[in-house]
Amino acid sequence: MKFALAAVAIGLAGFTVAAQAQSITGAGSTFAAPIYGKWGEAAAAAAGIQLNYQAVGSGAGINQINNRTVDFGASDMPVKADALAEHKLMQFPTVIGGVDVIVNLPGIKPNELKLTGPLLADIYLGKIVKWNDKAIAAVNPGLKLPGTAIATVHRADGSGTTFVFTDYLSTQSPEWKEKVGASTSVSWPTGAGAKGSDGVAATVRQIPGGIGYDESAYAEQNHLTTTMMRNADGKFVAPTMEAFAAAAANADWSKVQNFAIDLNDQKGAESWPIESATFVLLPTDPKDEKQSAAVKKFFEWGFAHGNDIASKLLYIPLPAKVQDAIRTAWKAVPGGM
């Protein structure tokens, strides 16, 4: 499924239902495309909302909602308070998901290779260039590592997944934080760029020794070879629902404004270290209040009825208290439900 290159357009099952449904448009995060697609399919008949979602990357999604060419934008990078105020937007999270590290190493099985945050940063800085480097071998005793050159792959388009990944590397490496930093688009020290989640996966698959990053739902659906990562408690964990849930459970939402929480490198022996909420951007001055109301109705349906769908796609539903806080925040936006 090509989330980054194609629209996730959710149709309705019958002409009569389709004629009665209200259509909403959104654009942005490829990280969120799988869940919005499935929620759209399920909510079309149940809620009478037809979703057309363009998975064009978080950067493009932010630009489109700033220009009001869609009803909502979607970003995995939380927008700063001053930018929200400037563009008259509110933001709220919808689900939580992990970002996986994917590799192409013949003979290496999924979750057999172990990596750490500092190692990953040095790989993407171009300081570690062979898979049998002694630093990688040190955390993989007994694993036969090839002498293949490491080929790093990154997103070439503005991407919330890139923000999550580079933000994580910034927590692990002072050098990365100083030289590269965290954003939806950065100046990569090395490696090849590819457009979209599918582009990263395809490029890694084509290059022996390749390494990249993709959202967990995409990695799972496309059977990509993932790695284990060392977490903040020093434990190596695989990218599983249990690990994502453990990290989410340790998050403290009470100390953030505009729901702009950073879920990377959460404490906990079972926690997956590369994780993010994904966010929706909704105008506080909607051109059409009925459209704004329909967006809120769609995501209310997702909160109330979509948790099982989210879990099957390896997303963690938001805590009930966070969902309630979002409902309260919606009241400040014109357009009821």
Protein backbone atom coordinates (compact mmCIF):
# COMPACT_ATOMS: atom_id res chain seq x y z
CA MET A 1 0.00 0.00 0.00
CA LYS A 2 1.65 3.25 -1.10
CA PHE A 3 0.69 5.68 1.63
CA ALA A 4 3.10 8.43 0.65
CA LEU A 5 2.44 8.59 -3.07
CA ALA A 6 -1.26 7.97 -3.31
CA ALA A 7 -4.35 9.40 -1.68
CA VAL A 8 -6.05 7.27 0.88
CA ALA A 9 -9.52 7.90 -0.46
CA ILE A 10 -12.27 6.22 1.49
CA GLY A 11 -15.43 5.53 -0.48
CA LEU A 12 -18.85 4.43 0.67
CA ALA A 13 -20.53 1.11 0.11
CA GLY A 14 -23.68 2.26 -1.61
CA PHE A 15 -24.94 5.11 -3.75
CA THR A 16 -27.70 6.04 -1.30
CA VAL A 17 -25.32 6.17 1.66
CA ALA A 18 -22.72 8.06 -0.38
CA ALA A 19 -25.26 10.65 -1.43
CA GLN A 20 -26.09 11.35 2.22
CA ALA A 21 -22.55 11.37 3.59
CA GLN A 22 -20.62 14.55 4.31
CA SER A 23 -17.17 14.63 2.77
CA ILE A 24 -14.10 15.94 4.60
CA THR A 25 -10.53 16.29 3.35
CA GLY A 26 -7.26 15.94 5.21
CA ALA A 27 -3.60 15.83 4.25
CA GLY A 28 -0.24 15.14 5.84
CA SER A 29 1.27 12.35 7.92
CA THR A 30 2.06 9.04 6.24
CA PHE A 31 2.57 7.67 9.76
CA ALA A 32 -1.17 8.13 10.36
CA ALA A 33 -2.39 7.02 6.92
CA PRO A 34 -3.11 3.37 7.84
CA ILE A 35 -5.34 4.25 10.81
CA TYR A 36 -7.14 7.12 9.08
CA GLY A 37 -7.79 4.84 6.12
CA LYS A 38 -9.33 2.11 8.26
CA TRP A 39 -11.26 4.55 10.44
CA GLY A 40 -12.57 6.13 7.25
CA GLU A 41 -13.80 2.80 5.91
CA ALA A 42 -15.56 1.95 9.15
CA ALA A 43 -16.94 5.40 9.93
CA ALA A 44 -18.36 6.12 6.49
CA ALA A 45 -21.64 4.31 7.07
CA ALA A 46 -21.62 4.49 10.87
CA ALA A 47 -20.99 8.23 11.19
CA GLY A 48 -22.01 9.46 7.74
CA ILE A 49 -18.60 11.04 7.12
CA GLN A 50 -16.63 10.32 3.94
CA LEU A 51 -12.92 10.92 4.36
CA ASN A 52 -10.51 11.76 1.57
CA TYR A 53 -7.02 11.73 3.04
CA GLN A 54 -3.87 12.62 1.12
CA ALA A 55 -0.77 10.97 2.65
CA VAL A 56 1.69 13.58 1.42
CA GLY A 57 3.93 13.92 4.49
CA SER A 58 3.66 16.10 7.58
CA GLY A 59 5.41 19.11 6.07
CA ALA A 60 2.99 19.27 3.16
CA GLY A 61 0.06 18.66 5.49
CA ILE A 62 1.03 21.63 7.65
CA ASN A 63 1.35 23.83 4.56
CA GLN A 64 -2.03 22.74 3.22
CA ILE A 65 -3.91 23.48 6.44
CA ASN A 66 -2.06 26.80 6.80
CA ASN A 67 -3.38 27.66 3.32
CA ARG A 68 -6.82 26.22 4.15
CA THR A 69 -6.88 23.92 1.12
CA VAL A 70 -8.00 20.99 3.33
CA ASP A 71 -10.30 20.66 6.33
CA PHE A 72 -7.54 19.36 8.58
CA GLY A 73 -3.81 18.82 8.49
CA ALA A 74 -1.93 15.90 10.00
CA SER A 75 1.58 15.98 11.45
CA ASP A 76 3.73 13.76 13.63
CA MET A 77 5.79 16.80 14.61
CA PRO A 78 3.81 18.86 17.11
CA VAL A 79 3.50 22.43 15.91
CA LYS A 80 4.89 25.11 18.24
CA ALA A 81 2.52 27.39 20.11
CA ASP A 82 3.51 30.55 18.23
CA ALA A 83 2.92 28.88 14.85
CA LEU A 84 -0.46 27.58 16.03
CA ALA A 85 -1.44 31.09 17.07
CA GLU A 86 -0.13 32.67 13.85
CA HIS A 87 -2.13 30.31 11.64
CA LYS A 88 -5.14 30.11 13.96
CA LEU A 89 -4.94 26.38 14.57
CA MET A 90 -5.50 23.98 17.40
CA GLN A 91 -3.78 20.60 17.51
CA PHE A 92 -4.78 17.35 19.12
CA PRO A 93 -3.32 13.84 19.08
CA THR A 94 -5.25 10.89 17.69
CA VAL A 95 -3.17 7.74 18.31
CA ILE A 96 0.34 6.74 19.34
CA GLY A 97 2.67 4.65 17.21
CA GLY A 98 6.24 3.46 16.96
CA VAL A 99 8.94 4.04 14.37
CA ASP A 100 10.92 0.92 13.42
CA VAL A 101 14.49 0.58 12.18
CA ILE A 102 14.57 -1.62 9.07
CA VAL A 103 17.58 -3.36 7.48
CA ASN A 104 18.59 -5.46 4.49
CA LEU A 105 21.15 -7.94 5.79
CA PRO A 106 21.04 -11.38 4.14
CA GLY A 107 20.97 -14.10 6.77
CA ILE A 108 19.77 -11.75 9.53
CA LYS A 109 16.24 -12.50 10.74
CA PRO A 110 13.72 -9.90 11.97
CA ASN A 111 14.63 -8.57 15.43
CA GLU A 112 17.85 -10.57 15.48
CA LEU A 113 20.14 -7.55 15.13
CA LYS A 114 20.51 -5.28 18.17
CA LEU A 115 21.28 -1.57 17.93
CA THR A 116 21.57 1.32 20.35
CA GLY A 117 20.69 4.97 19.93
CA PRO A 118 24.33 6.15 19.88
CA LEU A 119 25.20 3.45 17.32
CA LEU A 120 22.29 4.49 15.13
CA ALA A 121 23.36 8.13 15.31
CA ASP A 122 26.94 7.24 14.37
CA ILE A 123 25.68 5.13 11.46
CA TYR A 124 23.65 8.05 10.10
CA LEU A 125 26.53 10.46 10.77
CA GLY A 126 28.70 8.26 8.53
CA LYS A 127 31.09 7.37 11.36
CA ILE A 128 30.29 3.64 11.27
CA VAL A 129 30.45 2.37 7.69
CA LYS A 130 30.62 -1.45 7.86
CA TRP A 131 28.12 -3.86 9.40
CA ASN A 132 30.89 -5.88 11.08
CA ASP A 133 32.25 -2.78 12.82
CA LYS A 134 33.48 -3.70 16.29
CA ALA A 135 31.00 -1.31 17.92
CA ILE A 136 28.04 -3.14 16.34
CA ALA A 137 29.62 -6.54 17.02
CA ALA A 138 30.03 -5.64 20.70
CA VAL A 139 26.26 -5.51 21.25
CA ASN A 140 25.64 -8.55 19.03
CA PRO A 141 27.86 -11.30 20.48
CA GLY A 142 27.47 -14.57 18.59
CA LEU A 143 25.72 -12.96 15.61
CA LYS A 144 27.61 -13.35 12.32
CA LEU A 145 27.73 -9.85 10.85
CA PRO A 146 28.69 -9.33 7.20
CA GLY A 147 31.45 -6.97 6.13
CA THR A 148 28.94 -5.25 3.85
CA ALA A 149 29.03 -1.47 3.57
CA ILE A 150 26.22 0.28 5.43
CA ALA A 151 23.86 2.19 3.13
CA THR A 152 21.68 4.63 5.05
CA VAL A 153 18.29 5.60 3.62
CA HIS A 154 16.13 8.51 4.74
CA ARG A 155 12.98 10.31 3.69
CA ALA A 156 13.55 12.88 0.96
CA ASP A 157 10.21 14.59 1.55
CA GLY A 158 9.11 16.61 4.60
CA SER A 159 8.11 13.87 7.01
CA GLY A 160 6.80 13.60 10.55
CA THR A 161 8.40 10.17 10.73
CA THR A 162 11.72 11.89 10.02
CA PHE A 163 11.03 14.32 12.85
CA VAL A 164 10.39 11.46 15.28
CA PHE A 165 13.52 9.62 14.13
CA THR A 166 15.84 12.65 14.18
CA ASP A 167 14.40 13.81 17.51
CA TYR A 168 15.27 10.39 18.92
CA LEU A 169 18.81 10.59 17.52
CA SER A 170 19.12 14.03 19.13
CA THR A 171 18.35 12.49 22.53
CA GLN A 172 21.07 9.88 21.98
CA SER A 173 23.93 11.85 20.44
CA PRO A 174 25.10 15.36 21.35
CA GLU A 175 26.95 15.44 18.02
CA TRP A 176 23.75 14.65 16.10
CA LYS A 177 21.83 17.28 18.06
CA GLU A 178 24.47 19.93 17.33
CA LYS A 179 25.23 19.11 13.68
CA VAL A 180 21.88 17.87 12.35
CA GLY A 181 19.08 18.37 14.87
CA ALA A 182 15.45 17.33 14.65
CA SER A 183 12.89 18.38 12.06
CA THR A 184 10.61 17.06 9.33
CA SER A 185 13.47 17.74 6.90
CA VAL A 186 17.16 17.90 7.83
CA SER A 187 20.51 18.12 6.07
CA TRP A 188 21.54 14.47 6.16
CA PRO A 189 25.29 13.88 6.56
CA THR A 190 25.20 10.78 4.36
CA GLY A 191 22.92 8.32 2.59
CA ALA A 192 20.20 8.22 -0.04
CA GLY A 193 16.83 9.95 0.11
CA ALA A 194 13.55 8.32 -0.91
CA LYS A 195 10.05 9.69 -1.10
CA GLY A 196 7.51 8.31 1.32
CA SER A 197 7.40 5.25 3.54
CA ASP A 198 7.20 2.98 0.52
CA GLY A 199 10.21 4.69 -1.06
CA VAL A 200 12.36 4.12 2.03
CA ALA A 201 11.29 0.48 2.24
CA ALA A 202 11.87 -0.15 -1.47
CA THR A 203 15.32 1.46 -1.40
CA VAL A 204 16.42 -0.51 1.66
CA ARG A 205 15.21 -3.71 -0.01
CA GLN A 206 17.19 -2.93 -3.17
CA ILE A 207 20.52 -2.27 -1.46
CA PRO A 208 22.36 -5.02 0.43
CA GLY A 209 23.48 -3.45 3.69
CA GLY A 210 20.65 -0.93 3.62
CA ILE A 211 19.16 0.61 6.75
CA GLY A 212 16.18 2.93 7.09
CA TYR A 213 13.22 3.83 9.27
CA ASP A 214 9.48 3.44 8.82
CA GLU A 215 6.35 3.65 10.93
CA SER A 216 5.53 0.36 12.61
CA ALA A 217 2.17 -0.13 10.91
CA TYR A 218 3.87 0.11 7.53
CA ALA A 219 6.74 -2.18 8.57
CA GLU A 220 4.30 -4.78 9.87
CA GLN A 221 2.02 -4.74 6.84
CA ASN A 222 4.95 -5.02 4.44
CA HIS A 223 6.90 -7.65 6.40
CA LEU A 224 10.05 -5.56 6.68
CA THR A 225 13.11 -6.81 8.59
CA THR A 226 13.19 -4.83 11.82
CA THR A 227 15.85 -4.55 14.54
CA MET A 228 15.82 -4.54 18.32
CA MET A 229 16.74 -1.28 20.06
CA ARG A 230 18.18 -0.54 23.50
CA ASN A 231 15.79 1.58 25.54
CA ALA A 232 16.28 4.16 28.29
CA ASP A 233 16.48 1.40 30.92
CA GLY A 234 19.27 -0.32 29.01
CA LYS A 235 17.10 -3.22 27.82
CA PHE A 236 16.93 -4.45 24.23
CA VAL A 237 13.34 -4.61 23.02
CA ALA A 238 11.60 -5.50 19.77
CA PRO A 239 9.04 -3.20 18.10
CA THR A 240 5.88 -4.86 19.42
CA MET A 241 2.49 -3.66 20.65
CA GLU A 242 3.55 -4.48 24.20
CA ALA A 243 6.66 -2.30 23.86
CA PHE A 244 4.70 0.58 22.31
CA ALA A 245 2.08 0.35 25.06
CA ALA A 246 4.75 0.35 27.76
CA ALA A 247 6.28 3.56 26.43
CA ALA A 248 2.87 5.22 26.09
CA ALA A 249 1.93 4.26 29.65
CA ASN A 250 4.97 6.10 31.03
CA ALA A 251 4.15 9.39 29.30
CA ASP A 252 3.10 12.38 31.40
CA TRP A 253 0.60 14.50 29.46
CA SER A 254 -0.05 16.87 32.36
CA LYS A 255 3.06 18.97 31.77
CA VAL A 256 2.65 19.84 28.08
CA GLN A 257 0.73 22.56 26.27
CA ASN A 258 -1.29 21.97 23.11
CA PHE A 259 -0.85 18.21 23.68
CA ALA A 260 2.70 18.58 22.27
CA ILE A 261 4.24 15.63 24.08
CA ASP A 262 7.57 14.00 23.16
CA LEU A 263 7.29 10.23 23.60
CA ASN A 264 10.83 9.34 22.52
CA ASP A 265 13.09 7.46 24.95
CA GLN A 266 10.49 6.92 27.68
CA LYS A 267 11.56 5.10 30.84
CA GLY A 268 10.53 1.50 31.47
CA ALA A 269 12.19 -1.87 30.98
CA GLU A 270 9.67 -2.87 28.29
CA SER A 271 9.41 0.52 26.50
CA TRP A 272 10.13 0.94 22.79
CA PRO A 273 12.39 4.01 22.48
CA ILE A 274 11.27 5.57 19.15
CA GLU A 275 7.62 6.56 19.48
CA SER A 276 5.26 9.44 18.80
CA ALA A 277 1.73 10.61 18.94
CA THR A 278 0.34 11.78 15.61
CA PHE A 279 -1.53 15.07 15.54
CA VAL A 280 -4.43 16.73 13.73
CA LEU A 281 -4.39 20.47 12.99
CA LEU A 282 -7.84 22.09 12.95
CA PRO A 283 -8.58 25.77 12.21
CA THR A 284 -9.96 27.83 15.08
CA ASP A 285 -11.48 30.14 12.45
CA PRO A 286 -13.01 27.60 10.04
CA LYS A 287 -14.23 28.84 6.67
CA ASP A 288 -17.15 26.43 7.01
CA GLU A 289 -18.28 25.50 10.52
CA LYS A 290 -20.12 22.44 9.20
CA GLN A 291 -16.84 21.06 7.86
CA SER A 292 -15.13 21.70 11.17
CA ALA A 293 -17.95 19.93 12.97
CA ALA A 294 -17.65 16.98 10.61
CA VAL A 295 -13.92 16.67 11.30
CA LYS A 296 -14.59 16.59 15.04
CA LYS A 297 -17.40 14.07 14.51
CA PHE A 298 -15.07 11.81 12.53
CA PHE A 299 -12.37 11.78 15.19
CA GLU A 300 -14.94 11.44 17.97
CA TRP A 301 -16.09 8.28 16.20
CA GLY A 302 -12.47 7.09 16.10
CA PHE A 303 -12.00 7.73 19.82
CA ALA A 304 -15.29 6.06 20.76
CA HIS A 305 -15.29 3.10 18.36
CA GLY A 306 -11.87 2.81 16.72
CA ASN A 307 -9.59 1.49 19.45
CA ASP A 308 -9.71 -2.11 18.24
CA ILE A 309 -8.93 -0.99 14.70
CA ALA A 310 -5.98 1.02 16.00
CA SER A 311 -4.60 -1.89 17.98
CA LYS A 312 -4.75 -4.24 15.01
CA LEU A 313 -2.61 -1.75 13.08
CA LEU A 314 -0.06 -1.54 15.94
CA TYR A 315 -1.18 1.87 17.17
CA ILE A 316 -1.83 2.61 20.84
CA PRO A 317 -5.16 4.35 21.57
CA LEU A 318 -4.92 7.54 23.59
CA PRO A 319 -5.61 7.35 27.33
CA ALA A 320 -9.24 8.14 28.17
CA LYS A 321 -8.19 11.26 30.10
CA VAL A 322 -6.39 12.63 27.04
CA GLN A 323 -9.42 11.96 24.85
CA ASP A 324 -11.61 13.81 27.34
CA ALA A 325 -9.19 16.75 27.34
CA ILE A 326 -9.40 16.85 23.54
CA ARG A 327 -13.20 16.94 23.66
CA THR A 328 -12.98 19.89 26.02
CA ALA A 329 -10.52 21.67 23.71
CA TRP A 330 -12.86 21.14 20.74
CA LYS A 331 -15.49 23.33 22.43
CA ALA A 332 -13.35 26.38 21.71
CA VAL A 333 -13.53 25.68 17.96
CA PRO A 334 -16.64 26.98 16.13
CA GLY A 335 -18.94 24.28 14.82
CA GLY A 336 -20.64 21.76 17.04
CA MET A 337 -20.89 18.06 16.39
